[in-house]
Amino acid sequence: MLGPEHADHLAGSTIPALTAAAGKAPMNGITSSTALWYASRATGVVSLLLLTAVVLLGVLVNRQGRLPGLPRFVVTGLHRNLSLLGVAFVAIHVLTAVFDPYVTIRIVAIVVPFASAYKPLWLGLGAISLDVVLALIVTSLARARMSRRVWRSLHWLSYAAWVSALVHSLTSSTDLHGGVLLYLAIACSLAVAAAVIWRMTHAGREIPRAERAAATLAMMSPARGTPTGGITHGGTHRRDPENVR
């Protein structure tokens, strides 16, 4: 679905359709003048899916950093690769949005929340999400020089990054206001909510009632990380031998 700000810009795409109906050669709706707009929207959707997958993986791993049926190094590698891929798509999404000539977004608005003249609130949420992801990457790279408590506290922000990205996706354009993309956003939200509920319920069943509150917080907080953002969560921290350099 196209946003109203591009109505005039894309109105010309109806002309090729009419000429095709008249018997002339049909033309694709994606042209050199609209390619960046489509690329920005497409990479934004893919980024949301990848970030959702990273969050789900982090929530669902057990206290030893494993998923049922998968060894630890597979989970670590999967989390790292999904995080890297997500960061790559976010970078493409941001750059194509900035260079799209039909919406003026200054480069400073990429990292400074609410600095954009175009939809400052909703683009500001996207900037907040990007800033948090960058902070997670930096702190994961510097994890050996940080205390465990500080690192875990900072990585609580991974939840905020995902929520900001979701709200940004729903409000910065009309793409997710209906149709398949809306159902996709709803599915992402329900999946994360269900994973969090499952994790809290699972933690409560294994631990005595008197210790459940503290254990639930520990289970939901990130205790393990990867070099690419560390949105993996767990209660008891044990250094991964494969991550030691």
C-alpha atoms as a PDB file:
ATOM      1  CA  MET A   1       0.000   0.000   0.000  1.00  0.00           C
ATOM      2  CA  LEU A   2       1.396   3.404  -0.959  1.00  0.00           C
ATOM      3  CA  GLY A   3       1.510   6.397   1.333  1.00  0.00           C
ATOM      4  CA  PRO A   4      -0.359   9.585   0.370  1.00  0.00           C
ATOM      5  CA  GLU A   5       2.909  11.511   0.190  1.00  0.00           C
ATOM      6  CA  HIS A   6       3.785   9.519  -2.923  1.00  0.00           C
ATOM      7  CA  ALA A   7       0.426   9.804  -4.639  1.00  0.00           C
ATOM      8  CA  ASP A   8       1.543  12.390  -7.169  1.00  0.00           C
ATOM      9  CA  HIS A   9       4.912  10.739  -7.550  1.00  0.00           C
ATOM     10  CA  LEU A  10       3.414   7.362  -8.445  1.00  0.00           C
ATOM     11  CA  ALA A  11       0.354   8.624 -10.281  1.00  0.00           C
ATOM     12  CA  GLY A  12       2.277   8.252 -13.515  1.00  0.00           C
ATOM     13  CA  SER A  13       2.336   4.494 -13.027  1.00  0.00           C
ATOM     14  CA  THR A  14      -1.325   4.395 -14.076  1.00  0.00           C
ATOM     15  CA  ILE A  15      -0.360   5.648 -17.534  1.00  0.00           C
ATOM     16  CA  PRO A  16       1.656   2.516 -18.440  1.00  0.00           C
ATOM     17  CA  ALA A  17      -1.279   0.400 -17.318  1.00  0.00           C
ATOM     18  CA  LEU A  18      -3.650   2.332 -19.588  1.00  0.00           C
ATOM     19  CA  THR A  19      -1.279   2.109 -22.528  1.00  0.00           C
ATOM     20  CA  ALA A  20      -0.932  -1.617 -21.952  1.00  0.00           C
ATOM     21  CA  ALA A  21      -4.710  -1.957 -21.996  1.00  0.00           C
ATOM     22  CA  ALA A  22      -4.730  -0.080 -25.291  1.00  0.00           C
ATOM     23  CA  GLY A  23      -2.486  -2.717 -26.814  1.00  0.00           C
ATOM     24  CA  LYS A  24       0.948  -1.229 -26.210  1.00  0.00           C
ATOM     25  CA  ALA A  25       3.781  -2.954 -24.380  1.00  0.00           C
ATOM     26  CA  PRO A  26       3.189  -3.135 -20.594  1.00  0.00           C
ATOM     27  CA  MET A  27       5.641  -1.518 -18.186  1.00  0.00           C
ATOM     28  CA  ASN A  28       6.656  -2.463 -14.659  1.00  0.00           C
ATOM     29  CA  GLY A  29       5.424  -0.195 -11.846  1.00  0.00           C
ATOM     30  CA  ILE A  30       8.935  -0.067 -10.324  1.00  0.00           C
ATOM     31  CA  THR A  31      10.910   2.559 -12.201  1.00  0.00           C
ATOM     32  CA  SER A  32      14.190   4.373 -11.598  1.00  0.00           C
ATOM     33  CA  SER A  33      12.276   7.096  -9.763  1.00  0.00           C
ATOM     34  CA  THR A  34      10.394   4.714  -7.451  1.00  0.00           C
ATOM     35  CA  ALA A  35      13.034   2.019  -6.875  1.00  0.00           C
ATOM     36  CA  LEU A  36      14.405   3.577  -3.665  1.00  0.00           C
ATOM     37  CA  TRP A  37      10.909   3.964  -2.231  1.00  0.00           C
ATOM     38  CA  TYR A  38      10.072   0.311  -2.861  1.00  0.00           C
ATOM     39  CA  ALA A  39      13.491  -0.804  -1.586  1.00  0.00           C
ATOM     40  CA  SER A  40      13.049   1.153   1.645  1.00  0.00           C
ATOM     41  CA  ARG A  41       9.635  -0.363   2.308  1.00  0.00           C
ATOM     42  CA  ALA A  42      10.680  -3.899   1.405  1.00  0.00           C
ATOM     43  CA  THR A  43      13.841  -3.861   3.522  1.00  0.00           C
ATOM     44  CA  GLY A  44      11.857  -2.369   6.400  1.00  0.00           C
ATOM     45  CA  VAL A  45       9.469  -5.326   6.382  1.00  0.00           C
ATOM     46  CA  VAL A  46      12.322  -7.829   6.163  1.00  0.00           C
ATOM     47  CA  SER A  47      14.136  -6.028   9.009  1.00  0.00           C
ATOM     48  CA  LEU A  48      11.064  -6.348  11.233  1.00  0.00           C
ATOM     49  CA  LEU A  49      10.839 -10.069  10.499  1.00  0.00           C
ATOM     50  CA  LEU A  50      14.525 -10.635  11.240  1.00  0.00           C
ATOM     51  CA  LEU A  51      14.440  -8.618  14.479  1.00  0.00           C
ATOM     52  CA  THR A  52      11.363 -10.573  15.537  1.00  0.00           C
ATOM     53  CA  ALA A  53      13.192 -13.845  14.848  1.00  0.00           C
ATOM     54  CA  VAL A  54      16.181 -12.684  16.922  1.00  0.00           C
ATOM     55  CA  VAL A  55      13.938 -11.708  19.843  1.00  0.00           C
ATOM     56  CA  LEU A  56      12.038 -14.992  19.645  1.00  0.00           C
ATOM     57  CA  LEU A  57      15.262 -16.953  19.641  1.00  0.00           C
ATOM     58  CA  GLY A  58      16.489 -15.032  22.657  1.00  0.00           C
ATOM     59  CA  VAL A  59      13.276 -15.563  24.604  1.00  0.00           C
ATOM     60  CA  LEU A  60      12.919 -19.262  23.841  1.00  0.00           C
ATOM     61  CA  VAL A  61      16.420 -20.490  24.673  1.00  0.00           C
ATOM     62  CA  ASN A  62      16.737 -22.242  27.990  1.00  0.00           C
ATOM     63  CA  ARG A  63      18.978 -21.253  30.870  1.00  0.00           C
ATOM     64  CA  GLN A  64      21.963 -23.019  29.296  1.00  0.00           C
ATOM     65  CA  GLY A  65      21.543 -21.177  26.010  1.00  0.00           C
ATOM     66  CA  ARG A  66      20.034 -24.137  24.147  1.00  0.00           C
ATOM     67  CA  LEU A  67      16.904 -24.866  22.177  1.00  0.00           C
ATOM     68  CA  PRO A  68      15.348 -28.331  22.384  1.00  0.00           C
ATOM     69  CA  GLY A  69      17.087 -30.611  19.916  1.00  0.00           C
ATOM     70  CA  LEU A  70      19.828 -28.137  19.005  1.00  0.00           C
ATOM     71  CA  PRO A  71      23.357 -27.974  20.441  1.00  0.00           C
ATOM     72  CA  ARG A  72      24.591 -24.787  21.986  1.00  0.00           C
ATOM     73  CA  PHE A  73      26.961 -23.769  19.183  1.00  0.00           C
ATOM     74  CA  VAL A  74      24.133 -24.027  16.627  1.00  0.00           C
ATOM     75  CA  VAL A  75      21.927 -21.698  18.655  1.00  0.00           C
ATOM     76  CA  THR A  76      24.808 -19.232  19.086  1.00  0.00           C
ATOM     77  CA  GLY A  77      25.633 -19.293  15.376  1.00  0.00           C
ATOM     78  CA  LEU A  78      21.983 -18.943  14.353  1.00  0.00           C
ATOM     79  CA  HIS A  79      21.488 -16.000  16.687  1.00  0.00           C
ATOM     80  CA  ARG A  80      24.666 -14.308  15.459  1.00  0.00           C
ATOM     81  CA  ASN A  81      23.838 -14.761  11.777  1.00  0.00           C
ATOM     82  CA  LEU A  82      20.252 -13.582  12.148  1.00  0.00           C
ATOM     83  CA  SER A  83      21.469 -10.521  14.033  1.00  0.00           C
ATOM     84  CA  LEU A  84      24.034  -9.706  11.347  1.00  0.00           C
ATOM     85  CA  LEU A  85      21.477 -10.140   8.601  1.00  0.00           C
ATOM     86  CA  GLY A  86      19.002  -7.958  10.475  1.00  0.00           C
ATOM     87  CA  VAL A  87      21.562  -5.177  10.914  1.00  0.00           C
ATOM     88  CA  ALA A  88      22.391  -5.341   7.194  1.00  0.00           C
ATOM     89  CA  PHE A  89      18.749  -4.958   6.186  1.00  0.00           C
ATOM     90  CA  VAL A  90      18.225  -2.138   8.683  1.00  0.00           C
ATOM     91  CA  ALA A  91      21.205  -0.314   7.163  1.00  0.00           C
ATOM     92  CA  ILE A  92      19.791  -0.695   3.644  1.00  0.00           C
ATOM     93  CA  HIS A  93      16.350   0.393   4.864  1.00  0.00           C
ATOM     94  CA  VAL A  94      17.749   3.557   6.447  1.00  0.00           C
ATOM     95  CA  LEU A  95      19.993   4.503   3.523  1.00  0.00           C
ATOM     96  CA  THR A  96      17.301   4.010   0.874  1.00  0.00           C
ATOM     97  CA  ALA A  97      14.885   6.113   2.938  1.00  0.00           C
ATOM     98  CA  VAL A  98      17.444   8.929   3.213  1.00  0.00           C
ATOM     99  CA  PHE A  99      18.349   8.904  -0.481  1.00  0.00           C
ATOM    100  CA  ASP A 100      14.746   8.661  -1.686  1.00  0.00           C
ATOM    101  CA  PRO A 101      14.269  12.168  -3.188  1.00  0.00           C
ATOM    102  CA  TYR A 102      10.507  12.248  -2.656  1.00  0.00           C
ATOM    103  CA  VAL A 103      10.749  12.372   1.136  1.00  0.00           C
ATOM    104  CA  THR A 104      13.334  14.636   2.731  1.00  0.00           C
ATOM    105  CA  ILE A 105      15.025  12.869   5.650  1.00  0.00           C
ATOM    106  CA  ARG A 106      18.274  14.372   6.884  1.00  0.00           C
ATOM    107  CA  ILE A 107      21.169  12.099   7.735  1.00  0.00           C
ATOM    108  CA  VAL A 108      21.222  13.390  11.320  1.00  0.00           C
ATOM    109  CA  ALA A 109      17.667  12.092  11.772  1.00  0.00           C
ATOM    110  CA  ILE A 110      18.991   8.539  11.371  1.00  0.00           C
ATOM    111  CA  VAL A 111      20.541   8.535  14.837  1.00  0.00           C
ATOM    112  CA  VAL A 112      19.020  11.607  16.537  1.00  0.00           C
ATOM    113  CA  PRO A 113      15.430  10.826  17.552  1.00  0.00           C
ATOM    114  CA  PHE A 114      12.693  13.280  16.534  1.00  0.00           C
ATOM    115  CA  ALA A 115      15.093  15.401  14.428  1.00  0.00           C
ATOM    116  CA  SER A 116      13.258  14.721  11.174  1.00  0.00           C
ATOM    117  CA  ALA A 117      10.861  17.302   9.771  1.00  0.00           C
ATOM    118  CA  TYR A 118       8.927  14.458   8.159  1.00  0.00           C
ATOM    119  CA  LYS A 119       6.834  12.522  10.701  1.00  0.00           C
ATOM    120  CA  PRO A 120       9.254  13.320  13.564  1.00  0.00           C
ATOM    121  CA  LEU A 121       7.550  11.123  16.178  1.00  0.00           C
ATOM    122  CA  TRP A 122       7.292   7.944  14.125  1.00  0.00           C
ATOM    123  CA  LEU A 123      10.693   8.283  12.457  1.00  0.00           C
ATOM    124  CA  GLY A 124      12.074   9.148  15.887  1.00  0.00           C
ATOM    125  CA  LEU A 125      10.972   5.745  17.144  1.00  0.00           C
ATOM    126  CA  GLY A 126      12.884   4.167  14.279  1.00  0.00           C
ATOM    127  CA  ALA A 127      15.974   6.170  15.250  1.00  0.00           C
ATOM    128  CA  ILE A 128      15.611   5.024  18.870  1.00  0.00           C
ATOM    129  CA  SER A 129      15.426   1.394  17.738  1.00  0.00           C
ATOM    130  CA  LEU A 130      18.533   1.834  15.583  1.00  0.00           C
ATOM    131  CA  ASP A 131      20.438   3.528  18.418  1.00  0.00           C
ATOM    132  CA  VAL A 132      19.580   0.697  20.798  1.00  0.00           C
ATOM    133  CA  VAL A 133      20.662  -1.954  18.291  1.00  0.00           C
ATOM    134  CA  LEU A 134      23.978  -0.137  17.784  1.00  0.00           C
ATOM    135  CA  ALA A 135      24.428   0.063  21.563  1.00  0.00           C
ATOM    136  CA  LEU A 136      23.783  -3.680  21.858  1.00  0.00           C
ATOM    137  CA  ILE A 137      26.398  -4.384  19.204  1.00  0.00           C
ATOM    138  CA  VAL A 138      29.010  -2.160  20.839  1.00  0.00           C
ATOM    139  CA  THR A 139      28.412  -3.543  24.335  1.00  0.00           C
ATOM    140  CA  SER A 140      28.539  -7.113  23.033  1.00  0.00           C
ATOM    141  CA  LEU A 141      31.888  -6.443  21.377  1.00  0.00           C
ATOM    142  CA  ALA A 142      33.128  -4.914  24.641  1.00  0.00           C
ATOM    143  CA  ARG A 143      31.543  -7.542  26.863  1.00  0.00           C
ATOM    144  CA  ALA A 144      34.866  -8.839  28.169  1.00  0.00           C
ATOM    145  CA  ARG A 145      35.590  -5.360  29.581  1.00  0.00           C
ATOM    146  CA  MET A 146      32.198  -4.925  31.249  1.00  0.00           C
ATOM    147  CA  SER A 147      30.677  -6.349  34.384  1.00  0.00           C
ATOM    148  CA  ARG A 148      27.999  -8.961  33.963  1.00  0.00           C
ATOM    149  CA  ARG A 149      25.431  -6.814  35.814  1.00  0.00           C
ATOM    150  CA  VAL A 150      25.986  -3.772  33.576  1.00  0.00           C
ATOM    151  CA  TRP A 151      25.890  -5.853  30.409  1.00  0.00           C
ATOM    152  CA  ARG A 152      22.641  -7.574  31.390  1.00  0.00           C
ATOM    153  CA  SER A 153      21.031  -4.280  32.394  1.00  0.00           C
ATOM    154  CA  LEU A 154      21.859  -2.714  29.040  1.00  0.00           C
ATOM    155  CA  HIS A 155      20.558  -5.698  27.107  1.00  0.00           C
ATOM    156  CA  TRP A 156      17.134  -5.371  28.681  1.00  0.00           C
ATOM    157  CA  LEU A 157      16.792  -2.618  26.080  1.00  0.00           C
ATOM    158  CA  SER A 158      16.529  -5.260  23.356  1.00  0.00           C
ATOM    159  CA  TYR A 159      12.808  -5.503  24.110  1.00  0.00           C
ATOM    160  CA  ALA A 160      12.432  -1.723  23.780  1.00  0.00           C
ATOM    161  CA  ALA A 161      14.258  -1.807  20.435  1.00  0.00           C
ATOM    162  CA  TRP A 162      11.823  -4.373  19.042  1.00  0.00           C
ATOM    163  CA  VAL A 163       8.750  -2.489  20.306  1.00  0.00           C
ATOM    164  CA  SER A 164      10.050   0.787  18.839  1.00  0.00           C
ATOM    165  CA  ALA A 165      10.724  -0.920  15.512  1.00  0.00           C
ATOM    166  CA  LEU A 166       7.219  -2.400  15.450  1.00  0.00           C
ATOM    167  CA  VAL A 167       5.487   0.914  16.227  1.00  0.00           C
ATOM    168  CA  HIS A 168       7.718   2.678  13.699  1.00  0.00           C
ATOM    169  CA  SER A 169       6.724   0.143  11.039  1.00  0.00           C
ATOM    170  CA  LEU A 170       3.024   0.559  11.764  1.00  0.00           C
ATOM    171  CA  THR A 171       2.998   4.353  11.833  1.00  0.00           C
ATOM    172  CA  SER A 172       5.680   5.702   9.508  1.00  0.00           C
ATOM    173  CA  SER A 173       3.794   4.623   6.354  1.00  0.00           C
ATOM    174  CA  THR A 174       0.501   3.089   5.312  1.00  0.00           C
ATOM    175  CA  ASP A 175       2.062  -0.161   4.125  1.00  0.00           C
ATOM    176  CA  LEU A 176       1.139  -2.074   7.285  1.00  0.00           C
ATOM    177  CA  HIS A 177      -2.318  -0.563   7.683  1.00  0.00           C
ATOM    178  CA  GLY A 178      -4.060  -3.365   5.826  1.00  0.00           C
ATOM    179  CA  GLY A 179      -3.733  -6.521   3.814  1.00  0.00           C
ATOM    180  CA  VAL A 180      -1.033  -9.152   4.136  1.00  0.00           C
ATOM    181  CA  LEU A 181       1.514  -6.829   5.754  1.00  0.00           C
ATOM    182  CA  LEU A 182      -0.884  -5.927   8.556  1.00  0.00           C
ATOM    183  CA  TYR A 183      -1.473  -9.619   9.264  1.00  0.00           C
ATOM    184  CA  LEU A 184       2.293 -10.104   9.216  1.00  0.00           C
ATOM    185  CA  ALA A 185       2.794  -7.396  11.844  1.00  0.00           C
ATOM    186  CA  ILE A 186       0.040  -8.903  13.986  1.00  0.00           C
ATOM    187  CA  ALA A 187       1.648 -12.342  13.672  1.00  0.00           C
ATOM    188  CA  CYS A 188       5.011 -10.924  14.815  1.00  0.00           C
ATOM    189  CA  SER A 189       3.367  -9.303  17.836  1.00  0.00           C
ATOM    190  CA  LEU A 190       1.457 -12.428  18.821  1.00  0.00           C
ATOM    191  CA  ALA A 191       4.538 -14.614  18.395  1.00  0.00           C
ATOM    192  CA  VAL A 192       6.664 -12.473  20.710  1.00  0.00           C
ATOM    193  CA  ALA A 193       3.847 -12.168  23.263  1.00  0.00           C
ATOM    194  CA  ALA A 194       3.270 -15.936  23.225  1.00  0.00           C
ATOM    195  CA  ALA A 195       6.999 -16.619  23.608  1.00  0.00           C
ATOM    196  CA  VAL A 196       7.274 -14.284  26.592  1.00  0.00           C
ATOM    197  CA  ILE A 197       4.222 -15.856  28.272  1.00  0.00           C
ATOM    198  CA  TRP A 198       5.585 -19.351  27.621  1.00  0.00           C
ATOM    199  CA  ARG A 199       8.966 -18.413  29.060  1.00  0.00           C
ATOM    200  CA  MET A 200       7.475 -16.894  32.217  1.00  0.00           C
ATOM    201  CA  THR A 201       5.162 -19.883  32.696  1.00  0.00           C
ATOM    202  CA  HIS A 202       7.996 -22.339  32.117  1.00  0.00           C
ATOM    203  CA  ALA A 203      10.190 -20.542  34.646  1.00  0.00           C
ATOM    204  CA  GLY A 204       7.415 -20.543  37.238  1.00  0.00           C
ATOM    205  CA  ARG A 205       6.842 -24.291  37.009  1.00  0.00           C
ATOM    206  CA  GLU A 206      10.446 -25.212  37.706  1.00  0.00           C
ATOM    207  CA  ILE A 207      11.166 -22.927  40.672  1.00  0.00           C
ATOM    208  CA  PRO A 208       9.663 -22.819  44.189  1.00  0.00           C
ATOM    209  CA  ARG A 209       6.903 -20.242  44.656  1.00  0.00           C
ATOM    210  CA  ALA A 210       8.971 -18.072  47.012  1.00  0.00           C
ATOM    211  CA  GLU A 211      11.676 -17.649  44.379  1.00  0.00           C
ATOM    212  CA  ARG A 212       9.517 -17.290  41.261  1.00  0.00           C
ATOM    213  CA  ALA A 213       9.480 -13.481  41.005  1.00  0.00           C
ATOM    214  CA  ALA A 214      13.259 -13.131  41.053  1.00  0.00           C
ATOM    215  CA  ALA A 215      13.730 -16.149  38.808  1.00  0.00           C
ATOM    216  CA  THR A 216      11.267 -14.855  36.216  1.00  0.00           C
ATOM    217  CA  LEU A 217      13.184 -11.591  35.959  1.00  0.00           C
ATOM    218  CA  ALA A 218      16.444 -13.505  35.666  1.00  0.00           C
ATOM    219  CA  MET A 219      15.037 -15.778  32.976  1.00  0.00           C
ATOM    220  CA  MET A 220      13.785 -12.832  30.917  1.00  0.00           C
ATOM    221  CA  SER A 221      16.957 -10.779  31.219  1.00  0.00           C
ATOM    222  CA  PRO A 222      19.785 -11.365  28.755  1.00  0.00           C
ATOM    223  CA  ALA A 223      22.597 -13.361  30.274  1.00  0.00           C
ATOM    224  CA  ARG A 224      24.196 -14.534  27.070  1.00  0.00           C
ATOM    225  CA  GLY A 225      25.122 -12.605  24.010  1.00  0.00           C
ATOM    226  CA  THR A 226      26.672 -12.710  20.606  1.00  0.00           C
ATOM    227  CA  PRO A 227      29.101 -10.389  18.923  1.00  0.00           C
ATOM    228  CA  THR A 228      26.271  -8.914  16.895  1.00  0.00           C
ATOM    229  CA  GLY A 229      23.847  -7.553  19.387  1.00  0.00           C
ATOM    230  CA  GLY A 230      23.237 -10.166  22.039  1.00  0.00           C
ATOM    231  CA  ILE A 231      19.463 -10.304  22.204  1.00  0.00           C
ATOM    232  CA  THR A 232      19.694 -13.795  23.659  1.00  0.00           C
ATOM    233  CA  HIS A 233      18.180 -14.147  27.121  1.00  0.00           C
ATOM    234  CA  GLY A 234      18.719 -16.507  29.981  1.00  0.00           C
ATOM    235  CA  GLY A 235      19.032 -16.693  33.706  1.00  0.00           C
ATOM    236  CA  THR A 236      22.379 -18.249  34.619  1.00  0.00           C
ATOM    237  CA  HIS A 237      25.455 -16.922  32.883  1.00  0.00           C
ATOM    238  CA  ARG A 238      28.210 -19.221  31.693  1.00  0.00           C
ATOM    239  CA  ARG A 239      30.914 -17.995  29.355  1.00  0.00           C
ATOM    240  CA  ASP A 240      30.702 -19.660  25.940  1.00  0.00           C
ATOM    241  CA  PRO A 241      34.024 -21.322  25.098  1.00  0.00           C
ATOM    242  CA  GLU A 242      33.424 -20.703  21.406  1.00  0.00           C
ATOM    243  CA  ASN A 243      33.094 -16.951  21.985  1.00  0.00           C
ATOM    244  CA  VAL A 244      36.321 -16.573  23.921  1.00  0.00           C
ATOM    245  CA  ARG A 245      38.997 -14.907  21.856  1.00  0.00           C
END
